[in-house]
């Protein structure tokens, strides 16, 4: 004889309460994440010179993006353009074609 296991039987109200708790936790985590993103962006602004120097030494958006925790090379490229005040800086990167392709893909979506 096999024994059947009854699933937890929760009331509708209990489920709604759990959903509310999860929504609140999600809101808290979203706020915390936004604060962390802001801190990262502030640090990048402060470290703009260092990031630029590193990029010029390695000549790679990908390596620079990985070192300074960018989501992708496009985001890194945008910051380098902002730090340098022009696009000339990134045009000589070894992976500039990949940057262009990814930027085009992002803009076409």
PDB file of N, CA and C in Angstrom:
ATOM      1  N   UNK A   1       0.823  -1.171   0.000  1.00  0.00           N
ATOM      2  CA  UNK A   1       0.000   0.000   0.000  1.00  0.00           C
ATOM      3  C   UNK A   1       0.871   1.239   0.000  1.00  0.00           C
ATOM      4  N   UNK A   2       0.557   2.130  -0.893  1.00  0.00           N
ATOM      5  CA  UNK A   2       1.325   3.372  -0.919  1.00  0.00           C
ATOM      6  C   UNK A   2       0.600   4.436  -0.122  1.00  0.00           C
ATOM      7  N   UNK A   3       1.409   5.200   0.540  1.00  0.00           N
ATOM      8  CA  UNK A   3       0.862   6.251   1.383  1.00  0.00           C
ATOM      9  C   UNK A   3       0.805   7.546   0.579  1.00  0.00           C
ATOM     10  N   UNK A   4      -0.293   8.236   0.617  1.00  0.00           N
ATOM     11  CA  UNK A   4      -0.396   9.512  -0.089  1.00  0.00           C
ATOM     12  C   UNK A   4      -0.102  10.641   0.877  1.00  0.00           C
ATOM     13  N   UNK A   5       0.591  11.623   0.338  1.00  0.00           N
ATOM     14  CA  UNK A   5       0.933  12.777   1.155  1.00  0.00           C
ATOM     15  C   UNK A   5       0.031  13.926   0.730  1.00  0.00           C
ATOM     16  N   UNK A   6      -0.621  14.485   1.681  1.00  0.00           N
ATOM     17  CA  UNK A   6      -1.510  15.616   1.414  1.00  0.00           C
ATOM     18  C   UNK A   6      -0.696  16.907   1.337  1.00  0.00           C
ATOM     19  N   UNK A   7      -0.884  17.696   0.305  1.00  0.00           N
ATOM     20  CA  UNK A   7      -0.169  18.975   0.235  1.00  0.00           C
ATOM     21  C   UNK A   7      -0.668  19.927   1.318  1.00  0.00           C
ATOM     22  N   UNK A   8       0.159  20.882   1.660  1.00  0.00           N
ATOM     23  CA  UNK A   8      -0.257  21.882   2.638  1.00  0.00           C
ATOM     24  C   UNK A   8      -1.518  22.566   2.134  1.00  0.00           C
ATOM     25  N   UNK A   9      -2.444  22.645   2.985  1.00  0.00           N
ATOM     26  CA  UNK A   9      -3.689  23.315   2.616  1.00  0.00           C
ATOM     27  C   UNK A   9      -3.684  24.682   3.283  1.00  0.00           C
ATOM     28  N   UNK A  10      -3.480  25.689   2.459  1.00  0.00           N
ATOM     29  CA  UNK A  10      -3.466  27.045   2.985  1.00  0.00           C
ATOM     30  C   UNK A  10      -4.731  27.756   2.524  1.00  0.00           C
ATOM     31  N   UNK A  11      -5.163  28.613   3.376  1.00  0.00           N
ATOM     32  CA  UNK A  11      -6.362  29.362   3.025  1.00  0.00           C
ATOM     33  C   UNK A  11      -6.006  30.456   2.021  1.00  0.00           C
ATOM     34  N   UNK A  12      -7.004  30.930   1.397  1.00  0.00           N
ATOM     35  CA  UNK A  12      -6.852  32.022   0.427  1.00  0.00           C
ATOM     36  C   UNK A  12      -6.196  33.231   1.089  1.00  0.00           C
ATOM     37  N   UNK A  13      -6.613  33.535   2.298  1.00  0.00           N
ATOM     38  CA  UNK A  13      -6.061  34.672   3.032  1.00  0.00           C
ATOM     39  C   UNK A  13      -4.585  34.468   3.351  1.00  0.00           C
ATOM     40  N   UNK A  14      -4.212  33.246   3.703  1.00  0.00           N
ATOM     41  CA  UNK A  14      -2.806  32.942   3.991  1.00  0.00           C
ATOM     42  C   UNK A  14      -1.943  33.111   2.738  1.00  0.00           C
ATOM     43  N   UNK A  15      -2.474  32.668   1.622  1.00  0.00           N
ATOM     44  CA  UNK A  15      -1.745  32.821   0.365  1.00  0.00           C
ATOM     45  C   UNK A  15      -1.588  34.299  -0.006  1.00  0.00           C
ATOM     46  N   UNK A  16      -2.641  35.078   0.182  1.00  0.00           N
ATOM     47  CA  UNK A  16      -2.559  36.517  -0.087  1.00  0.00           C
ATOM     48  C   UNK A  16      -1.539  37.190   0.823  1.00  0.00           C
ATOM     49  N   UNK A  17      -1.500  36.768   2.078  1.00  0.00           N
ATOM     50  CA  UNK A  17      -0.534  37.333   3.023  1.00  0.00           C
ATOM     51  C   UNK A  17       0.893  36.991   2.582  1.00  0.00           C
ATOM     52  N   UNK A  18       1.114  35.766   2.123  1.00  0.00           N
ATOM     53  CA  UNK A  18       2.438  35.381   1.627  1.00  0.00           C
ATOM     54  C   UNK A  18       2.824  36.197   0.394  1.00  0.00           C
ATOM     55  N   UNK A  19       1.869  36.394  -0.490  1.00  0.00           N
ATOM     56  CA  UNK A  19       2.120  37.201  -1.696  1.00  0.00           C
ATOM     57  C   UNK A  19       2.498  38.617  -1.310  1.00  0.00           C
ATOM     58  N   UNK A  20       1.791  39.189  -0.354  1.00  0.00           N
ATOM     59  CA  UNK A  20       2.111  40.551   0.104  1.00  0.00           C
ATOM     60  C   UNK A  20       3.509  40.623   0.705  1.00  0.00           C
ATOM     61  N   UNK A  21       3.871  39.605   1.496  1.00  0.00           N
ATOM     62  CA  UNK A  21       5.221  39.570   2.073  1.00  0.00           C
ATOM     63  C   UNK A  21       6.270  39.515   0.973  1.00  0.00           C
ATOM     64  N   UNK A  22       6.031  38.686  -0.032  1.00  0.00           N
ATOM     65  CA  UNK A  22       6.979  38.562  -1.139  1.00  0.00           C
ATOM     66  C   UNK A  22       7.074  39.850  -1.951  1.00  0.00           C
ATOM     67  N   UNK A  23       5.948  40.516  -2.160  1.00  0.00           N
ATOM     68  CA  UNK A  23       5.962  41.797  -2.873  1.00  0.00           C
ATOM     69  C   UNK A  23       6.761  42.837  -2.092  1.00  0.00           C
ATOM     70  N   UNK A  24       6.550  42.869  -0.788  1.00  0.00           N
ATOM     71  CA  UNK A  24       7.296  43.819   0.052  1.00  0.00           C
ATOM     72  C   UNK A  24       8.785  43.524   0.019  1.00  0.00           C
ATOM     73  N   UNK A  25       9.151  42.250   0.094  1.00  0.00           N
ATOM     74  CA  UNK A  25      10.556  41.866   0.040  1.00  0.00           C
ATOM     75  C   UNK A  25      11.151  42.239  -1.319  1.00  0.00           C
ATOM     76  N   UNK A  26      10.397  42.024  -2.374  1.00  0.00           N
ATOM     77  CA  UNK A  26      10.851  42.387  -3.716  1.00  0.00           C
ATOM     78  C   UNK A  26      11.067  43.896  -3.813  1.00  0.00           C
ATOM     79  N   UNK A  27      10.156  44.673  -3.268  1.00  0.00           N
ATOM     80  CA  UNK A  27      10.301  46.133  -3.274  1.00  0.00           C
ATOM     81  C   UNK A  27      11.549  46.566  -2.502  1.00  0.00           C
ATOM     82  N   UNK A  28      11.773  45.938  -1.337  1.00  0.00           N
ATOM     83  CA  UNK A  28      12.957  46.252  -0.535  1.00  0.00           C
ATOM     84  C   UNK A  28      14.237  45.934  -1.304  1.00  0.00           C
ATOM     85  N   UNK A  29      14.269  44.777  -1.939  1.00  0.00           N
ATOM     86  CA  UNK A  29      15.452  44.367  -2.694  1.00  0.00           C
ATOM     87  C   UNK A  29      15.679  45.259  -3.918  1.00  0.00           C
ATOM     88  N   UNK A  30      14.599  45.679  -4.552  1.00  0.00           N
ATOM     89  CA  UNK A  30      14.718  46.585  -5.696  1.00  0.00           C
ATOM     90  C   UNK A  30      15.312  47.918  -5.258  1.00  0.00           C
ATOM     91  N   UNK A  31      14.844  48.441  -4.126  1.00  0.00           N
ATOM     92  CA  UNK A  31      15.393  49.694  -3.601  1.00  0.00           C
ATOM     93  C   UNK A  31      16.870  49.544  -3.259  1.00  0.00           C
ATOM     94  N   UNK A  32      17.206  48.430  -2.609  1.00  0.00           N
ATOM     95  CA  UNK A  32      18.600  48.174  -2.246  1.00  0.00           C
ATOM     96  C   UNK A  32      19.466  48.046  -3.500  1.00  0.00           C
ATOM     97  N   UNK A  33      18.956  47.355  -4.508  1.00  0.00           N
ATOM     98  CA  UNK A  33      19.686  47.199  -5.761  1.00  0.00           C
ATOM     99  C   UNK A  33      19.908  48.554  -6.426  1.00  0.00           C
ATOM    100  N   UNK A  34      18.898  49.395  -6.442  1.00  0.00           N
ATOM    101  CA  UNK A  34      19.035  50.724  -7.043  1.00  0.00           C
ATOM    102  C   UNK A  34      20.071  51.571  -6.312  1.00  0.00           C
ATOM    103  N   UNK A  35      20.107  51.443  -4.978  1.00  0.00           N
ATOM    104  CA  UNK A  35      21.127  52.161  -4.210  1.00  0.00           C
ATOM    105  C   UNK A  35      22.523  51.677  -4.581  1.00  0.00           C
ATOM    106  N   UNK A  36      22.673  50.371  -4.712  1.00  0.00           N
ATOM    107  CA  UNK A  36      23.974  49.811  -5.064  1.00  0.00           C
ATOM    108  C   UNK A  36      24.401  50.231  -6.474  1.00  0.00           C
ATOM    109  N   UNK A  37      23.459  50.248  -7.390  1.00  0.00           N
ATOM    110  CA  UNK A  37      23.759  50.703  -8.754  1.00  0.00           C
ATOM    111  C   UNK A  37      24.218  52.154  -8.728  1.00  0.00           C
ATOM    112  N   UNK A  38      23.545  52.972  -7.946  1.00  0.00           N
ATOM    113  CA  UNK A  38      23.925  54.373  -7.815  1.00  0.00           C
ATOM    114  C   UNK A  38      25.327  54.516  -7.239  1.00  0.00           C
ATOM    115  N   UNK A  39      25.638  53.717  -6.229  1.00  0.00           N
ATOM    116  CA  UNK A  39      26.982  53.759  -5.627  1.00  0.00           C
ATOM    117  C   UNK A  39      28.039  53.341  -6.644  1.00  0.00           C
ATOM    118  N   UNK A  40      27.751  52.298  -7.401  1.00  0.00           N
ATOM    119  CA  UNK A  40      28.693  51.841  -8.427  1.00  0.00           C
ATOM    120  C   UNK A  40      28.925  52.941  -9.457  1.00  0.00           C
ATOM    121  N   UNK A  41      27.851  53.567  -9.895  1.00  0.00           N
ATOM    122  CA  UNK A  41      27.986  54.642 -10.889  1.00  0.00           C
ATOM    123  C   UNK A  41      28.779  55.822 -10.334  1.00  0.00           C
ATOM    124  N   UNK A  42      28.564  56.153  -9.070  1.00  0.00           N
ATOM    125  CA  UNK A  42      29.329  57.232  -8.440  1.00  0.00           C
ATOM    126  C   UNK A  42      30.809  56.879  -8.363  1.00  0.00           C
ATOM    127  N   UNK A  43      31.099  55.634  -7.990  1.00  0.00           N
ATOM    128  CA  UNK A  43      32.495  55.194  -7.933  1.00  0.00           C
ATOM    129  C   UNK A  43      33.139  55.233  -9.313  1.00  0.00           C
ATOM    130  N   UNK A  44      32.392  54.842 -10.325  1.00  0.00           N
ATOM    131  CA  UNK A  44      32.927  54.890 -11.690  1.00  0.00           C
ATOM    132  C   UNK A  44      33.237  56.317 -12.106  1.00  0.00           C
ATOM    133  N   UNK A  45      32.350  57.232 -11.736  1.00  0.00           N
ATOM    134  CA  UNK A  45      32.611  58.639 -12.060  1.00  0.00           C
ATOM    135  C   UNK A  45      33.892  59.119 -11.384  1.00  0.00           C
ATOM    136  N   UNK A  46      34.052  58.744 -10.127  1.00  0.00           N
ATOM    137  CA  UNK A  46      35.248  59.132  -9.385  1.00  0.00           C
ATOM    138  C   UNK A  46      36.483  58.478  -9.990  1.00  0.00           C
ATOM    139  N   UNK A  47      36.340  57.237 -10.429  1.00  0.00           N
ATOM    140  CA  UNK A  47      37.463  56.483 -10.966  1.00  0.00           C
ATOM    141  C   UNK A  47      37.620  56.643 -12.484  1.00  0.00           C
ATOM    142  N   UNK A  48      36.961  57.609 -13.060  1.00  0.00           N
ATOM    143  CA  UNK A  48      36.990  57.789 -14.504  1.00  0.00           C
ATOM    144  C   UNK A  48      38.390  57.841 -15.086  1.00  0.00           C
ATOM    145  N   UNK A  49      39.266  58.562 -14.417  1.00  0.00           N
ATOM    146  CA  UNK A  49      40.643  58.663 -14.903  1.00  0.00           C
ATOM    147  C   UNK A  49      41.333  57.303 -14.856  1.00  0.00           C
ATOM    148  N   UNK A  50      41.154  56.598 -13.739  1.00  0.00           N
ATOM    149  CA  UNK A  50      41.768  55.279 -13.588  1.00  0.00           C
ATOM    150  C   UNK A  50      41.224  54.291 -14.629  1.00  0.00           C
ATOM    151  N   UNK A  51      39.908  54.317 -14.836  1.00  0.00           N
ATOM    152  CA  UNK A  51      39.291  53.434 -15.829  1.00  0.00           C
ATOM    153  C   UNK A  51      39.828  53.746 -17.216  1.00  0.00           C
ATOM    154  N   UNK A  52      39.929  55.035 -17.527  1.00  0.00           N
ATOM    155  CA  UNK A  52      40.455  55.442 -18.832  1.00  0.00           C
ATOM    156  C   UNK A  52      41.892  54.978 -19.012  1.00  0.00           C
ATOM    157  N   UNK A  53      42.703  55.166 -18.002  1.00  0.00           N
ATOM    158  CA  UNK A  53      44.105  54.750 -18.083  1.00  0.00           C
ATOM    159  C   UNK A  53      44.222  53.240 -18.278  1.00  0.00           C
ATOM    160  N   UNK A  54      43.418  52.504 -17.543  1.00  0.00           N
ATOM    161  CA  UNK A  54      43.436  51.050 -17.698  1.00  0.00           C
ATOM    162  C   UNK A  54      43.053  50.670 -19.130  1.00  0.00           C
ATOM    163  N   UNK A  55      41.999  51.310 -19.644  1.00  0.00           N
ATOM    164  CA  UNK A  55      41.562  51.026 -21.012  1.00  0.00           C
ATOM    165  C   UNK A  55      42.677  51.318 -22.015  1.00  0.00           C
ATOM    166  N   UNK A  56      43.340  52.452 -21.867  1.00  0.00           N
ATOM    167  CA  UNK A  56      44.405  52.802 -22.810  1.00  0.00           C
ATOM    168  C   UNK A  56      45.582  51.822 -22.716  1.00  0.00           C
ATOM    169  N   UNK A  57      45.816  51.275 -21.541  1.00  0.00           N
ATOM    170  CA  UNK A  57      46.894  50.295 -21.384  1.00  0.00           C
ATOM    171  C   UNK A  57      46.557  48.953 -22.045  1.00  0.00           C
ATOM    172  N   UNK A  58      45.305  48.495 -21.879  1.00  0.00           N
ATOM    173  CA  UNK A  58      44.946  47.173 -22.409  1.00  0.00           C
ATOM    174  C   UNK A  58      44.308  47.249 -23.795  1.00  0.00           C
ATOM    175  N   UNK A  59      43.775  48.405 -24.153  1.00  0.00           N
ATOM    176  CA  UNK A  59      43.157  48.643 -25.462  1.00  0.00           C
ATOM    177  C   UNK A  59      41.980  47.703 -25.736  1.00  0.00           C
ATOM    178  N   UNK A  60      41.249  47.354 -24.687  1.00  0.00           N
ATOM    179  CA  UNK A  60      40.125  46.436 -24.835  1.00  0.00           C
ATOM    180  C   UNK A  60      38.949  46.884 -23.969  1.00  0.00           C
ATOM    181  N   UNK A  61      37.799  47.048 -24.611  1.00  0.00           N
ATOM    182  CA  UNK A  61      36.582  47.384 -23.871  1.00  0.00           C
ATOM    183  C   UNK A  61      36.148  46.204 -23.004  1.00  0.00           C
ATOM    184  N   UNK A  62      36.302  45.003 -23.530  1.00  0.00           N
ATOM    185  CA  UNK A  62      35.872  43.812 -22.801  1.00  0.00           C
ATOM    186  C   UNK A  62      36.667  43.629 -21.506  1.00  0.00           C
ATOM    187  N   UNK A  63      37.973  43.742 -21.590  1.00  0.00           N
ATOM    188  CA  UNK A  63      38.818  43.579 -20.397  1.00  0.00           C
ATOM    189  C   UNK A  63      38.521  44.688 -19.386  1.00  0.00           C
ATOM    190  N   UNK A  64      38.349  45.899 -19.878  1.00  0.00           N
ATOM    191  CA  UNK A  64      38.024  47.034 -18.995  1.00  0.00           C
ATOM    192  C   UNK A  64      36.670  46.828 -18.343  1.00  0.00           C
ATOM    193  N   UNK A  65      35.693  46.392 -19.122  1.00  0.00           N
ATOM    194  CA  UNK A  65      34.347  46.154 -18.583  1.00  0.00           C
ATOM    195  C   UNK A  65      34.373  45.090 -17.492  1.00  0.00           C
ATOM    196  N   UNK A  66      35.142  44.039 -17.709  1.00  0.00           N
ATOM    197  CA  UNK A  66      35.231  42.979 -16.709  1.00  0.00           C
ATOM    198  C   UNK A  66      35.917  43.467 -15.434  1.00  0.00           C
ATOM    199  N   UNK A  67      36.990  44.220 -15.584  1.00  0.00           N
ATOM    200  CA  UNK A  67      37.728  44.691 -14.408  1.00  0.00           C
ATOM    201  C   UNK A  67      36.886  45.626 -13.545  1.00  0.00           C
ATOM    202  N   UNK A  68      36.093  46.491 -14.187  1.00  0.00           N
ATOM    203  CA  UNK A  68      35.332  47.499 -13.444  1.00  0.00           C
ATOM    204  C   UNK A  68      33.846  47.153 -13.323  1.00  0.00           C
ATOM    205  N   UNK A  69      33.517  45.874 -13.507  1.00  0.00           N
ATOM    206  CA  UNK A  69      32.186  45.331 -13.233  1.00  0.00           C
ATOM    207  C   UNK A  69      31.063  45.978 -14.042  1.00  0.00           C
ATOM    208  N   UNK A  70      31.331  46.292 -15.296  1.00  0.00           N
ATOM    209  CA  UNK A  70      30.264  46.777 -16.171  1.00  0.00           C
ATOM    210  C   UNK A  70      29.428  45.583 -16.614  1.00  0.00           C
ATOM    211  N   UNK A  71      28.155  45.852 -16.916  1.00  0.00           N
ATOM    212  CA  UNK A  71      27.277  44.786 -17.400  1.00  0.00           C
ATOM    213  C   UNK A  71      27.721  44.279 -18.764  1.00  0.00           C
ATOM    214  N   UNK A  72      28.203  45.197 -19.605  1.00  0.00           N
ATOM    215  CA  UNK A  72      28.654  44.821 -20.935  1.00  0.00           C
ATOM    216  C   UNK A  72      29.604  45.882 -21.482  1.00  0.00           C
ATOM    217  N   UNK A  73      30.159  45.613 -22.666  1.00  0.00           N
ATOM    218  CA  UNK A  73      31.149  46.546 -23.220  1.00  0.00           C
ATOM    219  C   UNK A  73      30.501  47.828 -23.735  1.00  0.00           C
ATOM    220  N   UNK A  74      29.220  47.775 -24.038  1.00  0.00           N
ATOM    221  CA  UNK A  74      28.541  48.990 -24.500  1.00  0.00           C
ATOM    222  C   UNK A  74      28.458  50.004 -23.364  1.00  0.00           C
ATOM    223  N   UNK A  75      28.061  49.542 -22.192  1.00  0.00           N
ATOM    224  CA  UNK A  75      27.991  50.427 -21.020  1.00  0.00           C
ATOM    225  C   UNK A  75      29.377  51.006 -20.710  1.00  0.00           C
ATOM    226  N   UNK A  76      30.385  50.158 -20.783  1.00  0.00           N
ATOM    227  CA  UNK A  76      31.764  50.603 -20.552  1.00  0.00           C
ATOM    228  C   UNK A  76      32.167  51.647 -21.592  1.00  0.00           C
ATOM    229  N   UNK A  77      31.840  51.378 -22.847  1.00  0.00           N
ATOM    230  CA  UNK A  77      32.163  52.323 -23.921  1.00  0.00           C
ATOM    231  C   UNK A  77      31.492  53.671 -23.723  1.00  0.00           C
ATOM    232  N   UNK A  78      30.234  53.658 -23.306  1.00  0.00           N
ATOM    233  CA  UNK A  78      29.529  54.919 -23.052  1.00  0.00           C
ATOM    234  C   UNK A  78      30.242  55.742 -21.984  1.00  0.00           C
ATOM    235  N   UNK A  79      30.659  55.060 -20.911  1.00  0.00           N
ATOM    236  CA  UNK A  79      31.366  55.778 -19.853  1.00  0.00           C
ATOM    237  C   UNK A  79      32.706  56.327 -20.345  1.00  0.00           C
ATOM    238  N   UNK A  80      33.439  55.535 -21.103  1.00  0.00           N
ATOM    239  CA  UNK A  80      34.729  56.013 -21.616  1.00  0.00           C
ATOM    240  C   UNK A  80      34.539  57.226 -22.532  1.00  0.00           C
ATOM    241  N   UNK A  81      33.479  57.202 -23.319  1.00  0.00           N
ATOM    242  CA  UNK A  81      33.171  58.367 -24.166  1.00  0.00           C
ATOM    243  C   UNK A  81      32.888  59.582 -23.288  1.00  0.00           C
ATOM    244  N   UNK A  82      32.125  59.350 -22.233  1.00  0.00           N
ATOM    245  CA  UNK A  82      31.812  60.460 -21.309  1.00  0.00           C
ATOM    246  C   UNK A  82      33.071  60.961 -20.606  1.00  0.00           C
ATOM    247  N   UNK A  83      33.919  60.040 -20.149  1.00  0.00           N
ATOM    248  CA  UNK A  83      35.150  60.434 -19.458  1.00  0.00           C
ATOM    249  C   UNK A  83      36.071  61.230 -20.379  1.00  0.00           C
ATOM    250  N   UNK A  84      36.161  60.820 -21.637  1.00  0.00           N
ATOM    251  CA  UNK A  84      37.095  61.449 -22.581  1.00  0.00           C
ATOM    252  C   UNK A  84      36.483  62.619 -23.345  1.00  0.00           C
ATOM    253  N   UNK A  85      35.165  62.700 -23.364  1.00  0.00           N
ATOM    254  CA  UNK A  85      34.490  63.799 -24.044  1.00  0.00           C
ATOM    255  C   UNK A  85      34.360  63.603 -25.552  1.00  0.00           C
ATOM    256  N   UNK A  86      34.735  62.429 -26.060  1.00  0.00           N
ATOM    257  CA  UNK A  86      34.589  62.151 -27.485  1.00  0.00           C
ATOM    258  C   UNK A  86      34.660  60.640 -27.725  1.00  0.00           C
ATOM    259  N   UNK A  87      34.291  60.231 -28.932  1.00  0.00           N
ATOM    260  CA  UNK A  87      34.298  58.809 -29.267  1.00  0.00           C
ATOM    261  C   UNK A  87      35.656  58.322 -29.757  1.00  0.00           C
ATOM    262  N   UNK A  88      36.574  59.238 -30.007  1.00  0.00           N
ATOM    263  CA  UNK A  88      37.884  58.850 -30.546  1.00  0.00           C
ATOM    264  C   UNK A  88      38.585  57.806 -29.682  1.00  0.00           C
ATOM    265  N   UNK A  89      38.426  57.907 -28.391  1.00  0.00           N
ATOM    266  CA  UNK A  89      39.146  57.026 -27.467  1.00  0.00           C
ATOM    267  C   UNK A  89      38.820  55.560 -27.708  1.00  0.00           C
ATOM    268  N   UNK A  90      37.560  55.241 -27.924  1.00  0.00           N
ATOM    269  CA  UNK A  90      37.203  53.829 -28.038  1.00  0.00           C
ATOM    270  C   UNK A  90      37.339  53.289 -29.459  1.00  0.00           C
ATOM    271  N   UNK A  91      37.435  54.168 -30.436  1.00  0.00           N
ATOM    272  CA  UNK A  91      37.502  53.711 -31.830  1.00  0.00           C
ATOM    273  C   UNK A  91      38.740  52.889 -32.136  1.00  0.00           C
ATOM    274  N   UNK A  92      39.789  53.034 -31.343  1.00  0.00           N
ATOM    275  CA  UNK A  92      41.010  52.268 -31.586  1.00  0.00           C
ATOM    276  C   UNK A  92      41.071  50.992 -30.753  1.00  0.00           C
ATOM    277  N   UNK A  93      40.004  50.690 -30.015  1.00  0.00           N
ATOM    278  CA  UNK A  93      39.983  49.482 -29.188  1.00  0.00           C
ATOM    279  C   UNK A  93      40.041  48.235 -30.060  1.00  0.00           C
ATOM    280  N   UNK A  94      40.711  47.220 -29.568  1.00  0.00           N
ATOM    281  CA  UNK A  94      40.806  45.949 -30.294  1.00  0.00           C
ATOM    282  C   UNK A  94      39.429  45.342 -30.562  1.00  0.00           C
ATOM    283  N   UNK A  95      38.486  45.593 -29.661  1.00  0.00           N
ATOM    284  CA  UNK A  95      37.154  45.005 -29.795  1.00  0.00           C
ATOM    285  C   UNK A  95      36.087  46.058 -30.147  1.00  0.00           C
ATOM    286  N   UNK A  96      36.497  47.103 -30.840  1.00  0.00           N
ATOM    287  CA  UNK A  96      35.563  48.178 -31.211  1.00  0.00           C
ATOM    288  C   UNK A  96      34.448  47.658 -32.124  1.00  0.00           C
ATOM    289  N   UNK A  97      34.756  46.746 -33.047  1.00  0.00           N
ATOM    290  CA  UNK A  97      33.726  46.207 -33.944  1.00  0.00           C
ATOM    291  C   UNK A  97      32.653  45.469 -33.149  1.00  0.00           C
ATOM    292  N   UNK A  98      33.068  44.723 -32.146  1.00  0.00           N
ATOM    293  CA  UNK A  98      32.101  44.024 -31.293  1.00  0.00           C
ATOM    294  C   UNK A  98      31.231  45.035 -30.552  1.00  0.00           C
ATOM    295  N   UNK A  99      31.849  46.110 -30.061  1.00  0.00           N
ATOM    296  CA  UNK A  99      31.114  47.188 -29.401  1.00  0.00           C
ATOM    297  C   UNK A  99      30.051  47.752 -30.343  1.00  0.00           C
ATOM    298  N   UNK A 100      30.442  48.042 -31.583  1.00  0.00           N
ATOM    299  CA  UNK A 100      29.510  48.608 -32.564  1.00  0.00           C
ATOM    300  C   UNK A 100      28.348  47.656 -32.826  1.00  0.00           C
ATOM    301  N   UNK A 101      28.666  46.364 -32.967  1.00  0.00           N
ATOM    302  CA  UNK A 101      27.622  45.374 -33.219  1.00  0.00           C
ATOM    303  C   UNK A 101      26.642  45.304 -32.054  1.00  0.00           C
ATOM    304  N   UNK A 102      27.164  45.249 -30.834  1.00  0.00           N
ATOM    305  CA  UNK A 102      26.314  45.172 -29.649  1.00  0.00           C
ATOM    306  C   UNK A 102      25.493  46.450 -29.455  1.00  0.00           C
ATOM    307  N   UNK A 103      26.111  47.586 -29.707  1.00  0.00           N
ATOM    308  CA  UNK A 103      25.393  48.855 -29.591  1.00  0.00           C
ATOM    309  C   UNK A 103      24.264  48.919 -30.599  1.00  0.00           C
ATOM    310  N   UNK A 104      24.537  48.467 -31.817  1.00  0.00           N
ATOM    311  CA  UNK A 104      23.508  48.453 -32.866  1.00  0.00           C
ATOM    312  C   UNK A 104      22.363  47.528 -32.445  1.00  0.00           C
ATOM    313  N   UNK A 105      22.705  46.341 -31.928  1.00  0.00           N
ATOM    314  CA  UNK A 105      21.690  45.387 -31.492  1.00  0.00           C
ATOM    315  C   UNK A 105      20.814  45.971 -30.383  1.00  0.00           C
ATOM    316  N   UNK A 106      21.434  46.666 -29.428  1.00  0.00           N
ATOM    317  CA  UNK A 106      20.680  47.282 -28.338  1.00  0.00           C
ATOM    318  C   UNK A 106      19.740  48.363 -28.853  1.00  0.00           C
ATOM    319  N   UNK A 107      20.246  49.180 -29.782  1.00  0.00           N
ATOM    320  CA  UNK A 107      19.455  50.295 -30.291  1.00  0.00           C
ATOM    321  C   UNK A 107      18.343  49.857 -31.243  1.00  0.00           C
ATOM    322  N   UNK A 108      18.500  48.692 -31.855  1.00  0.00           N
ATOM    323  CA  UNK A 108      17.481  48.243 -32.804  1.00  0.00           C
ATOM    324  C   UNK A 108      16.348  47.471 -32.128  1.00  0.00           C
ATOM    325  N   UNK A 109      16.509  47.182 -30.845  1.00  0.00           N
ATOM    326  CA  UNK A 109      15.444  46.461 -30.118  1.00  0.00           C
ATOM    327  C   UNK A 109      14.493  47.385 -29.480  1.00  0.00           C
TER     328      UNK A 109
END
